[in-house]
Amino acid sequence: MLCDADAFAYWGGAIHRPAHELDPACDYARAMSAVDDADAAVISFGAHHEHTGLIWDLEGEGTAEIAAAADGLLLVRSRVPLGRTQAPRRRAATAPATQEIPAG
């Protein structure tokens, strides 16, 4: 999730019920529900939903790298090859700009 640093303390994360199922009202469950049909979503969180954050689904193993630019943010998903034991080398993103998805 990407949010203001001051707001992160109010992110409730995942809360499990006594039978170990995820509480559908917790921040994590609501966030995952928001990205079910999208790659990313802007969600509200906090006791009174007073904070907002951008959340996305990596759809498997990988890392998300975030870069700040004058006109916005760039999120790049770096895939980790299955079975790889060493840390992957950083490579420049090769996806064309036509594959960029405005999300928040």
PDB file of N, CA and C in Angstrom:
ATOM      1  N   MET A   1       0.844  -1.170   0.000  1.00  0.00           N
ATOM      2  CA  MET A   1       0.000   0.000   0.000  1.00  0.00           C
ATOM      3  C   MET A   1       0.889   1.232   0.000  1.00  0.00           C
ATOM      4  N   LEU A   2       0.407   2.252  -0.648  1.00  0.00           N
ATOM      5  CA  LEU A   2       1.091   3.539  -0.705  1.00  0.00           C
ATOM      6  C   LEU A   2       0.169   4.585  -0.079  1.00  0.00           C
ATOM      7  N   CYS A   3       0.673   5.271   0.961  1.00  0.00           N
ATOM      8  CA  CYS A   3      -0.123   6.300   1.632  1.00  0.00           C
ATOM      9  C   CYS A   3       0.837   7.299   2.261  1.00  0.00           C
ATOM     10  N   ASP A   4       0.280   8.375   2.813  1.00  0.00           N
ATOM     11  CA  ASP A   4       1.098   9.339   3.543  1.00  0.00           C
ATOM     12  C   ASP A   4       1.761   8.633   4.726  1.00  0.00           C
ATOM     13  N   ALA A   5       2.985   8.990   5.014  1.00  0.00           N
ATOM     14  CA  ALA A   5       3.717   8.358   6.112  1.00  0.00           C
ATOM     15  C   ALA A   5       2.969   8.511   7.441  1.00  0.00           C
ATOM     16  N   ASP A   6       2.363   9.669   7.676  1.00  0.00           N
ATOM     17  CA  ASP A   6       1.626   9.883   8.917  1.00  0.00           C
ATOM     18  C   ASP A   6       0.378   9.014   9.009  1.00  0.00           C
ATOM     19  N   ALA A   7      -0.184   8.632   7.887  1.00  0.00           N
ATOM     20  CA  ALA A   7      -1.414   7.832   7.879  1.00  0.00           C
ATOM     21  C   ALA A   7      -1.145   6.354   8.101  1.00  0.00           C
ATOM     22  N   PHE A   8       0.067   5.901   7.806  1.00  0.00           N
ATOM     23  CA  PHE A   8       0.351   4.461   7.859  1.00  0.00           C
ATOM     24  C   PHE A   8       0.102   3.861   9.246  1.00  0.00           C
ATOM     25  N   ALA A   9       0.298   4.628  10.288  1.00  0.00           N
ATOM     26  CA  ALA A   9       0.059   4.137  11.649  1.00  0.00           C
ATOM     27  C   ALA A   9      -1.404   3.750  11.860  1.00  0.00           C
ATOM     28  N   TYR A  10      -2.295   4.247  11.018  1.00  0.00           N
ATOM     29  CA  TYR A  10      -3.728   3.962  11.154  1.00  0.00           C
ATOM     30  C   TYR A  10      -4.186   2.786  10.295  1.00  0.00           C
ATOM     31  N   TRP A  11      -3.272   2.188   9.533  1.00  0.00           N
ATOM     32  CA  TRP A  11      -3.590   1.006   8.712  1.00  0.00           C
ATOM     33  C   TRP A  11      -3.747  -0.181   9.648  1.00  0.00           C
ATOM     34  N   GLY A  12      -4.942  -0.782   9.633  1.00  0.00           N
ATOM     35  CA  GLY A  12      -5.237  -1.884  10.548  1.00  0.00           C
ATOM     36  C   GLY A  12      -4.737  -3.234  10.085  1.00  0.00           C
ATOM     37  N   GLY A  13      -4.450  -3.372   8.804  1.00  0.00           N
ATOM     38  CA  GLY A  13      -3.938  -4.642   8.303  1.00  0.00           C
ATOM     39  C   GLY A  13      -4.963  -5.759   8.370  1.00  0.00           C
ATOM     40  N   ALA A  14      -4.467  -6.979   8.558  1.00  0.00           N
ATOM     41  CA  ALA A  14      -5.331  -8.165   8.598  1.00  0.00           C
ATOM     42  C   ALA A  14      -5.707  -8.488  10.030  1.00  0.00           C
ATOM     43  N   ILE A  15      -6.979  -8.755  10.241  1.00  0.00           N
ATOM     44  CA  ILE A  15      -7.480  -9.184  11.548  1.00  0.00           C
ATOM     45  C   ILE A  15      -8.212 -10.501  11.331  1.00  0.00           C
ATOM     46  N   HIS A  16      -7.834 -11.503  12.121  1.00  0.00           N
ATOM     47  CA  HIS A  16      -8.461 -12.822  11.992  1.00  0.00           C
ATOM     48  C   HIS A  16      -9.404 -13.068  13.162  1.00  0.00           C
ATOM     49  N   ARG A  17     -10.480 -13.745  12.870  1.00  0.00           N
ATOM     50  CA  ARG A  17     -11.462 -14.130  13.891  1.00  0.00           C
ATOM     51  C   ARG A  17     -10.942 -15.366  14.627  1.00  0.00           C
ATOM     52  N   PRO A  18     -11.594 -15.748  15.729  1.00  0.00           N
ATOM     53  CA  PRO A  18     -11.121 -16.901  16.502  1.00  0.00           C
ATOM     54  C   PRO A  18     -10.989 -18.194  15.677  1.00  0.00           C
ATOM     55  N   ALA A  19     -11.814 -18.372  14.661  1.00  0.00           N
ATOM     56  CA  ALA A  19     -11.736 -19.580  13.825  1.00  0.00           C
ATOM     57  C   ALA A  19     -10.729 -19.403  12.687  1.00  0.00           C
ATOM     58  N   HIS A  20      -9.896 -18.380  12.765  1.00  0.00           N
ATOM     59  CA  HIS A  20      -8.804 -18.088  11.820  1.00  0.00           C
ATOM     60  C   HIS A  20      -9.248 -17.555  10.465  1.00  0.00           C
ATOM     61  N   GLU A  21     -10.536 -17.274  10.283  1.00  0.00           N
ATOM     62  CA  GLU A  21     -10.933 -16.656   9.019  1.00  0.00           C
ATOM     63  C   GLU A  21     -10.707 -15.152   9.114  1.00  0.00           C
ATOM     64  N   LEU A  22     -10.455 -14.558   7.965  1.00  0.00           N
ATOM     65  CA  LEU A  22     -10.190 -13.127   7.889  1.00  0.00           C
ATOM     66  C   LEU A  22     -11.467 -12.352   8.178  1.00  0.00           C
ATOM     67  N   ASP A  23     -11.391 -11.358   9.041  1.00  0.00           N
ATOM     68  CA  ASP A  23     -12.531 -10.505   9.343  1.00  0.00           C
ATOM     69  C   ASP A  23     -12.801  -9.638   8.110  1.00  0.00           C
ATOM     70  N   PRO A  24     -13.989  -9.763   7.489  1.00  0.00           N
ATOM     71  CA  PRO A  24     -14.264  -9.009   6.265  1.00  0.00           C
ATOM     72  C   PRO A  24     -14.297  -7.497   6.458  1.00  0.00           C
ATOM     73  N   ALA A  25     -14.388  -7.023   7.696  1.00  0.00           N
ATOM     74  CA  ALA A  25     -14.425  -5.584   7.951  1.00  0.00           C
ATOM     75  C   ALA A  25     -13.029  -4.991   8.145  1.00  0.00           C
ATOM     76  N   CYS A  26     -11.996  -5.836   8.230  1.00  0.00           N
ATOM     77  CA  CYS A  26     -10.653  -5.300   8.472  1.00  0.00           C
ATOM     78  C   CYS A  26     -10.109  -4.619   7.211  1.00  0.00           C
ATOM     79  N   ASP A  27      -9.131  -3.748   7.405  1.00  0.00           N
ATOM     80  CA  ASP A  27      -8.573  -2.973   6.294  1.00  0.00           C
ATOM     81  C   ASP A  27      -8.037  -3.871   5.179  1.00  0.00           C
ATOM     82  N   TYR A  28      -7.341  -4.940   5.534  1.00  0.00           N
ATOM     83  CA  TYR A  28      -6.747  -5.817   4.516  1.00  0.00           C
ATOM     84  C   TYR A  28      -7.838  -6.491   3.673  1.00  0.00           C
ATOM     85  N   ALA A  29      -8.872  -7.017   4.302  1.00  0.00           N
ATOM     86  CA  ALA A  29      -9.950  -7.685   3.565  1.00  0.00           C
ATOM     87  C   ALA A  29     -10.667  -6.707   2.642  1.00  0.00           C
ATOM     88  N   ARG A  30     -10.935  -5.503   3.132  1.00  0.00           N
ATOM     89  CA  ARG A  30     -11.592  -4.501   2.290  1.00  0.00           C
ATOM     90  C   ARG A  30     -10.701  -4.098   1.123  1.00  0.00           C
ATOM     91  N   ALA A  31      -9.396  -4.009   1.366  1.00  0.00           N
ATOM     92  CA  ALA A  31      -8.463  -3.650   0.300  1.00  0.00           C
ATOM     93  C   ALA A  31      -8.413  -4.732  -0.771  1.00  0.00           C
ATOM     94  N   MET A  32      -8.319  -5.984  -0.355  1.00  0.00           N
ATOM     95  CA  MET A  32      -8.260  -7.080  -1.327  1.00  0.00           C
ATOM     96  C   MET A  32      -9.566  -7.186  -2.112  1.00  0.00           C
ATOM     97  N   SER A  33     -10.673  -6.882  -1.473  1.00  0.00           N
ATOM     98  CA  SER A  33     -11.954  -6.874  -2.167  1.00  0.00           C
ATOM     99  C   SER A  33     -11.978  -5.773  -3.227  1.00  0.00           C
ATOM    100  N   ALA A  34     -11.357  -4.647  -2.931  1.00  0.00           N
ATOM    101  CA  ALA A  34     -11.337  -3.522  -3.872  1.00  0.00           C
ATOM    102  C   ALA A  34     -10.504  -3.822  -5.108  1.00  0.00           C
ATOM    103  N   VAL A  35      -9.477  -4.650  -4.988  1.00  0.00           N
ATOM    104  CA  VAL A  35      -8.628  -4.950  -6.142  1.00  0.00           C
ATOM    105  C   VAL A  35      -9.003  -6.257  -6.826  1.00  0.00           C
ATOM    106  N   ASP A  36     -10.108  -6.883  -6.410  1.00  0.00           N
ATOM    107  CA  ASP A  36     -10.551  -8.135  -7.041  1.00  0.00           C
ATOM    108  C   ASP A  36     -10.683  -8.010  -8.550  1.00  0.00           C
ATOM    109  N   ASP A  37     -11.299  -6.945  -9.012  1.00  0.00           N
ATOM    110  CA  ASP A  37     -11.572  -6.790 -10.440  1.00  0.00           C
ATOM    111  C   ASP A  37     -10.671  -5.749 -11.101  1.00  0.00           C
ATOM    112  N   ALA A  38      -9.664  -5.275 -10.395  1.00  0.00           N
ATOM    113  CA  ALA A  38      -8.776  -4.239 -10.937  1.00  0.00           C
ATOM    114  C   ALA A  38      -7.341  -4.567 -10.537  1.00  0.00           C
ATOM    115  N   ASP A  39      -6.405  -3.895 -11.154  1.00  0.00           N
ATOM    116  CA  ASP A  39      -5.008  -4.076 -10.782  1.00  0.00           C
ATOM    117  C   ASP A  39      -4.666  -3.291  -9.525  1.00  0.00           C
ATOM    118  N   ALA A  40      -5.373  -2.187  -9.306  1.00  0.00           N
ATOM    119  CA  ALA A  40      -5.108  -1.321  -8.159  1.00  0.00           C
ATOM    120  C   ALA A  40      -6.382  -0.564  -7.806  1.00  0.00           C
ATOM    121  N   ALA A  41      -6.409  -0.050  -6.580  1.00  0.00           N
ATOM    122  CA  ALA A  41      -7.579   0.712  -6.137  1.00  0.00           C
ATOM    123  C   ALA A  41      -7.160   1.689  -5.053  1.00  0.00           C
ATOM    124  N   VAL A  42      -7.875   2.786  -4.963  1.00  0.00           N
ATOM    125  CA  VAL A  42      -7.705   3.731  -3.872  1.00  0.00           C
ATOM    126  C   VAL A  42      -8.701   3.320  -2.799  1.00  0.00           C
ATOM    127  N   ILE A  43      -8.215   3.118  -1.576  1.00  0.00           N
ATOM    128  CA  ILE A  43      -9.078   2.670  -0.486  1.00  0.00           C
ATOM    129  C   ILE A  43      -9.008   3.663   0.671  1.00  0.00           C
ATOM    130  N   SER A  44     -10.015   3.609   1.534  1.00  0.00           N
ATOM    131  CA  SER A  44      -9.997   4.410   2.747  1.00  0.00           C
ATOM    132  C   SER A  44      -9.745   3.481   3.929  1.00  0.00           C
ATOM    133  N   PHE A  45      -9.107   4.017   4.958  1.00  0.00           N
ATOM    134  CA  PHE A  45      -8.828   3.217   6.145  1.00  0.00           C
ATOM    135  C   PHE A  45      -8.714   4.133   7.353  1.00  0.00           C
ATOM    136  N   GLY A  46      -8.619   3.534   8.526  1.00  0.00           N
ATOM    137  CA  GLY A  46      -8.592   4.283   9.778  1.00  0.00           C
ATOM    138  C   GLY A  46      -9.915   4.102  10.506  1.00  0.00           C
ATOM    139  N   ALA A  47      -9.961   4.522  11.745  1.00  0.00           N
ATOM    140  CA  ALA A  47     -11.158   4.332  12.571  1.00  0.00           C
ATOM    141  C   ALA A  47     -12.412   4.894  11.918  1.00  0.00           C
ATOM    142  N   HIS A  48     -12.282   6.011  11.224  1.00  0.00           N
ATOM    143  CA  HIS A  48     -13.430   6.644  10.569  1.00  0.00           C
ATOM    144  C   HIS A  48     -13.216   6.753   9.060  1.00  0.00           C
ATOM    145  N   HIS A  49     -12.347   5.883   8.529  1.00  0.00           N
ATOM    146  CA  HIS A  49     -12.025   5.871   7.094  1.00  0.00           C
ATOM    147  C   HIS A  49     -11.546   7.244   6.625  1.00  0.00           C
ATOM    148  N   GLU A  50     -10.767   7.907   7.495  1.00  0.00           N
ATOM    149  CA  GLU A  50     -10.322   9.264   7.198  1.00  0.00           C
ATOM    150  C   GLU A  50      -9.024   9.328   6.394  1.00  0.00           C
ATOM    151  N   HIS A  51      -8.380   8.198   6.164  1.00  0.00           N
ATOM    152  CA  HIS A  51      -7.128   8.162   5.415  1.00  0.00           C
ATOM    153  C   HIS A  51      -7.338   7.403   4.100  1.00  0.00           C
ATOM    154  N   THR A  52      -6.518   7.697   3.126  1.00  0.00           N
ATOM    155  CA  THR A  52      -6.611   6.979   1.854  1.00  0.00           C
ATOM    156  C   THR A  52      -5.238   6.440   1.476  1.00  0.00           C
ATOM    157  N   GLY A  53      -5.273   5.368   0.710  1.00  0.00           N
ATOM    158  CA  GLY A  53      -4.038   4.773   0.220  1.00  0.00           C
ATOM    159  C   GLY A  53      -4.299   4.075  -1.102  1.00  0.00           C
ATOM    160  N   LEU A  54      -3.254   3.881  -1.851  1.00  0.00           N
ATOM    161  CA  LEU A  54      -3.321   3.151  -3.113  1.00  0.00           C
ATOM    162  C   LEU A  54      -2.826   1.739  -2.843  1.00  0.00           C
ATOM    163  N   ILE A  55      -3.623   0.763  -3.189  1.00  0.00           N
ATOM    164  CA  ILE A  55      -3.254  -0.633  -2.962  1.00  0.00           C
ATOM    165  C   ILE A  55      -3.298  -1.366  -4.286  1.00  0.00           C
ATOM    166  N   TRP A  56      -2.423  -2.331  -4.456  1.00  0.00           N
ATOM    167  CA  TRP A  56      -2.376  -3.094  -5.696  1.00  0.00           C
ATOM    168  C   TRP A  56      -2.062  -4.536  -5.372  1.00  0.00           C
ATOM    169  N   ASP A  57      -2.370  -5.419  -6.300  1.00  0.00           N
ATOM    170  CA  ASP A  57      -2.141  -6.849  -6.140  1.00  0.00           C
ATOM    171  C   ASP A  57      -0.968  -7.242  -7.026  1.00  0.00           C
ATOM    172  N   LEU A  58       0.065  -7.812  -6.439  1.00  0.00           N
ATOM    173  CA  LEU A  58       1.235  -8.229  -7.214  1.00  0.00           C
ATOM    174  C   LEU A  58       0.970  -9.488  -8.034  1.00  0.00           C
ATOM    175  N   GLU A  59      -0.093 -10.206  -7.719  1.00  0.00           N
ATOM    176  CA  GLU A  59      -0.454 -11.433  -8.440  1.00  0.00           C
ATOM    177  C   GLU A  59       0.693 -12.438  -8.457  1.00  0.00           C
ATOM    178  N   GLY A  60       1.215 -12.739  -7.290  1.00  0.00           N
ATOM    179  CA  GLY A  60       2.279 -13.729  -7.177  1.00  0.00           C
ATOM    180  C   GLY A  60       3.533 -13.126  -6.597  1.00  0.00           C
ATOM    181  N   GLU A  61       4.618 -13.901  -6.673  1.00  0.00           N
ATOM    182  CA  GLU A  61       5.882 -13.447  -6.109  1.00  0.00           C
ATOM    183  C   GLU A  61       6.431 -12.271  -6.880  1.00  0.00           C
ATOM    184  N   GLY A  62       7.106 -11.394  -6.186  1.00  0.00           N
ATOM    185  CA  GLY A  62       7.712 -10.236  -6.822  1.00  0.00           C
ATOM    186  C   GLY A  62       7.845  -9.106  -5.840  1.00  0.00           C
ATOM    187  N   THR A  63       8.343  -8.007  -6.316  1.00  0.00           N
ATOM    188  CA  THR A  63       8.454  -6.809  -5.499  1.00  0.00           C
ATOM    189  C   THR A  63       7.851  -5.645  -6.266  1.00  0.00           C
ATOM    190  N   ALA A  64       7.430  -4.650  -5.535  1.00  0.00           N
ATOM    191  CA  ALA A  64       6.934  -3.429  -6.159  1.00  0.00           C
ATOM    192  C   ALA A  64       7.909  -2.318  -5.823  1.00  0.00           C
ATOM    193  N   GLU A  65       8.363  -1.636  -6.836  1.00  0.00           N
ATOM    194  CA  GLU A  65       9.253  -0.510  -6.630  1.00  0.00           C
ATOM    195  C   GLU A  65       8.487   0.756  -6.973  1.00  0.00           C
ATOM    196  N   ILE A  66       8.662   1.781  -6.169  1.00  0.00           N
ATOM    197  CA  ILE A  66       7.917   3.020  -6.321  1.00  0.00           C
ATOM    198  C   ILE A  66       8.900   4.152  -6.580  1.00  0.00           C
ATOM    199  N   ALA A  67       8.634   4.925  -7.609  1.00  0.00           N
ATOM    200  CA  ALA A  67       9.482   6.070  -7.940  1.00  0.00           C
ATOM    201  C   ALA A  67       8.617   7.318  -8.000  1.00  0.00           C
ATOM    202  N   ALA A  68       9.102   8.394  -7.418  1.00  0.00           N
ATOM    203  CA  ALA A  68       8.391   9.677  -7.466  1.00  0.00           C
ATOM    204  C   ALA A  68       8.876  10.455  -8.673  1.00  0.00           C
ATOM    205  N   ALA A  69       7.943  11.075  -9.370  1.00  0.00           N
ATOM    206  CA  ALA A  69       8.259  11.908 -10.524  1.00  0.00           C
ATOM    207  C   ALA A  69       7.524  13.231 -10.367  1.00  0.00           C
ATOM    208  N   ALA A  70       7.888  14.204 -11.164  1.00  0.00           N
ATOM    209  CA  ALA A  70       7.252  15.516 -11.077  1.00  0.00           C
ATOM    210  C   ALA A  70       5.758  15.446 -11.354  1.00  0.00           C
ATOM    211  N   ASP A  71       5.334  14.521 -12.211  1.00  0.00           N
ATOM    212  CA  ASP A  71       3.923  14.443 -12.597  1.00  0.00           C
ATOM    213  C   ASP A  71       3.190  13.257 -11.988  1.00  0.00           C
ATOM    214  N   GLY A  72       3.762  12.592 -10.996  1.00  0.00           N
ATOM    215  CA  GLY A  72       3.060  11.486 -10.360  1.00  0.00           C
ATOM    216  C   GLY A  72       4.020  10.451  -9.811  1.00  0.00           C
ATOM    217  N   LEU A  73       3.537   9.233  -9.688  1.00  0.00           N
ATOM    218  CA  LEU A  73       4.322   8.116  -9.176  1.00  0.00           C
ATOM    219  C   LEU A  73       4.364   7.011 -10.209  1.00  0.00           C
ATOM    220  N   LEU A  74       5.412   6.230 -10.168  1.00  0.00           N
ATOM    221  CA  LEU A  74       5.539   5.078 -11.050  1.00  0.00           C
ATOM    222  C   LEU A  74       5.702   3.848 -10.182  1.00  0.00           C
ATOM    223  N   LEU A  75       4.803   2.875 -10.348  1.00  0.00           N
ATOM    224  CA  LEU A  75       4.900   1.590  -9.669  1.00  0.00           C
ATOM    225  C   LEU A  75       5.365   0.568 -10.692  1.00  0.00           C
ATOM    226  N   VAL A  76       6.433  -0.127 -10.381  1.00  0.00           N
ATOM    227  CA  VAL A  76       6.956  -1.146 -11.285  1.00  0.00           C
ATOM    228  C   VAL A  76       6.960  -2.465 -10.546  1.00  0.00           C
ATOM    229  N   ARG A  77       6.350  -3.464 -11.128  1.00  0.00           N
ATOM    230  CA  ARG A  77       6.352  -4.797 -10.537  1.00  0.00           C
ATOM    231  C   ARG A  77       7.520  -5.564 -11.122  1.00  0.00           C
ATOM    232  N   SER A  78       8.417  -5.994 -10.261  1.00  0.00           N
ATOM    233  CA  SER A  78       9.559  -6.795 -10.682  1.00  0.00           C
ATOM    234  C   SER A  78       9.266  -8.249 -10.355  1.00  0.00           C
ATOM    235  N   ARG A  79       9.227  -9.084 -11.357  1.00  0.00           N
ATOM    236  CA  ARG A  79       8.948 -10.505 -11.131  1.00  0.00           C
ATOM    237  C   ARG A  79      10.218 -11.220 -10.688  1.00  0.00           C
ATOM    238  N   VAL A  80      10.029 -12.165  -9.780  1.00  0.00           N
ATOM    239  CA  VAL A  80      11.134 -13.001  -9.322  1.00  0.00           C
ATOM    240  C   VAL A  80      10.947 -14.363  -9.966  1.00  0.00           C
ATOM    241  N   PRO A  81      11.911 -14.822 -10.775  1.00  0.00           N
ATOM    242  CA  PRO A  81      11.769 -16.129 -11.430  1.00  0.00           C
ATOM    243  C   PRO A  81      11.601 -17.246 -10.398  1.00  0.00           C
ATOM    244  N   LEU A  82      10.699 -18.191 -10.665  1.00  0.00           N
ATOM    245  CA  LEU A  82      10.480 -19.311  -9.757  1.00  0.00           C
ATOM    246  C   LEU A  82      11.765 -20.109  -9.603  1.00  0.00           C
ATOM    247  N   GLY A  83      12.043 -20.546  -8.395  1.00  0.00           N
ATOM    248  CA  GLY A  83      13.220 -21.357  -8.136  1.00  0.00           C
ATOM    249  C   GLY A  83      14.516 -20.577  -8.033  1.00  0.00           C
ATOM    250  N   ARG A  84      14.453 -19.298  -8.173  1.00  0.00           N
ATOM    251  CA  ARG A  84      15.659 -18.471  -8.117  1.00  0.00           C
ATOM    252  C   ARG A  84      16.115 -18.351  -6.667  1.00  0.00           C
ATOM    253  N   THR A  85      17.364 -18.623  -6.402  1.00  0.00           N
ATOM    254  CA  THR A  85      17.859 -18.563  -5.035  1.00  0.00           C
ATOM    255  C   THR A  85      18.645 -17.294  -4.756  1.00  0.00           C
ATOM    256  N   GLN A  86      19.182 -16.665  -5.777  1.00  0.00           N
ATOM    257  CA  GLN A  86      19.935 -15.434  -5.580  1.00  0.00           C
ATOM    258  C   GLN A  86      19.016 -14.240  -5.836  1.00  0.00           C
ATOM    259  N   ALA A  87      19.347 -13.133  -5.225  1.00  0.00           N
ATOM    260  CA  ALA A  87      18.556 -11.912  -5.441  1.00  0.00           C
ATOM    261  C   ALA A  87      18.611 -11.534  -6.919  1.00  0.00           C
ATOM    262  N   PRO A  88      17.474 -11.204  -7.518  1.00  0.00           N
ATOM    263  CA  PRO A  88      17.479 -10.841  -8.945  1.00  0.00           C
ATOM    264  C   PRO A  88      18.232  -9.537  -9.177  1.00  0.00           C
ATOM    265  N   ARG A  89      18.882  -9.445 -10.310  1.00  0.00           N
ATOM    266  CA  ARG A  89      19.562  -8.202 -10.683  1.00  0.00           C
ATOM    267  C   ARG A  89      18.518  -7.191 -11.138  1.00  0.00           C
ATOM    268  N   ARG A  90      18.753  -5.949 -10.838  1.00  0.00           N
ATOM    269  CA  ARG A  90      17.830  -4.900 -11.283  1.00  0.00           C
ATOM    270  C   ARG A  90      18.027  -4.671 -12.768  1.00  0.00           C
ATOM    271  N   ARG A  91      16.933  -4.537 -13.466  1.00  0.00           N
ATOM    272  CA  ARG A  91      16.962  -4.265 -14.901  1.00  0.00           C
ATOM    273  C   ARG A  91      15.971  -3.159 -15.188  1.00  0.00           C
ATOM    274  N   ALA A  92      16.221  -2.427 -16.211  1.00  0.00           N
ATOM    275  CA  ALA A  92      15.296  -1.370 -16.611  1.00  0.00           C
ATOM    276  C   ALA A  92      13.993  -2.003 -17.087  1.00  0.00           C
ATOM    277  N   ALA A  93      12.891  -1.374 -16.780  1.00  0.00           N
ATOM    278  CA  ALA A  93      11.597  -1.863 -17.240  1.00  0.00           C
ATOM    279  C   ALA A  93      11.547  -1.767 -18.757  1.00  0.00           C
ATOM    280  N   THR A  94      11.066  -2.828 -19.394  1.00  0.00           N
ATOM    281  CA  THR A  94      11.029  -2.847 -20.855  1.00  0.00           C
ATOM    282  C   THR A  94       9.620  -2.725 -21.421  1.00  0.00           C
ATOM    283  N   ALA A  95       8.625  -2.611 -20.559  1.00  0.00           N
ATOM    284  CA  ALA A  95       7.258  -2.507 -21.046  1.00  0.00           C
ATOM    285  C   ALA A  95       7.046  -1.158 -21.717  1.00  0.00           C
ATOM    286  N   PRO A  96       6.327  -1.142 -22.832  1.00  0.00           N
ATOM    287  CA  PRO A  96       6.062   0.135 -23.519  1.00  0.00           C
ATOM    288  C   PRO A  96       5.069   0.993 -22.728  1.00  0.00           C
ATOM    289  N   ALA A  97       5.105   2.273 -22.965  1.00  0.00           N
ATOM    290  CA  ALA A  97       4.221   3.205 -22.260  1.00  0.00           C
ATOM    291  C   ALA A  97       2.750   2.867 -22.496  1.00  0.00           C
ATOM    292  N   THR A  98       2.410   2.194 -23.583  1.00  0.00           N
ATOM    293  CA  THR A  98       1.017   1.834 -23.870  1.00  0.00           C
ATOM    294  C   THR A  98       0.489   0.832 -22.857  1.00  0.00           C
ATOM    295  N   GLN A  99       1.369   0.158 -22.114  1.00  0.00           N
ATOM    296  CA  GLN A  99       0.932  -0.813 -21.096  1.00  0.00           C
ATOM    297  C   GLN A  99       0.805  -0.183 -19.716  1.00  0.00           C
ATOM    298  N   GLU A 100       1.081   1.121 -19.598  1.00  0.00           N
ATOM    299  CA  GLU A 100       0.916   1.789 -18.317  1.00  0.00           C
ATOM    300  C   GLU A 100      -0.559   1.869 -17.967  1.00  0.00           C
ATOM    301  N   ILE A 101      -0.876   1.716 -16.690  1.00  0.00           N
ATOM    302  CA  ILE A 101      -2.263   1.746 -16.232  1.00  0.00           C
ATOM    303  C   ILE A 101      -2.418   2.818 -15.160  1.00  0.00           C
ATOM    304  N   PRO A 102      -3.111   3.932 -15.458  1.00  0.00           N
ATOM    305  CA  PRO A 102      -3.360   4.933 -14.407  1.00  0.00           C
ATOM    306  C   PRO A 102      -4.237   4.310 -13.322  1.00  0.00           C
ATOM    307  N   ALA A 103      -3.836   4.452 -12.046  1.00  0.00           N
ATOM    308  CA  ALA A 103      -4.563   3.737 -11.001  1.00  0.00           C
ATOM    309  C   ALA A 103      -5.024   4.609  -9.849  1.00  0.00           C
ATOM    310  N   GLY A 104      -4.439   5.744  -9.617  1.00  0.00           N
ATOM    311  CA  GLY A 104      -4.880   6.471  -8.445  1.00  0.00           C
ATOM    312  C   GLY A 104      -4.408   7.893  -8.449  1.00  0.00           C
TER     313      GLY A 104
END
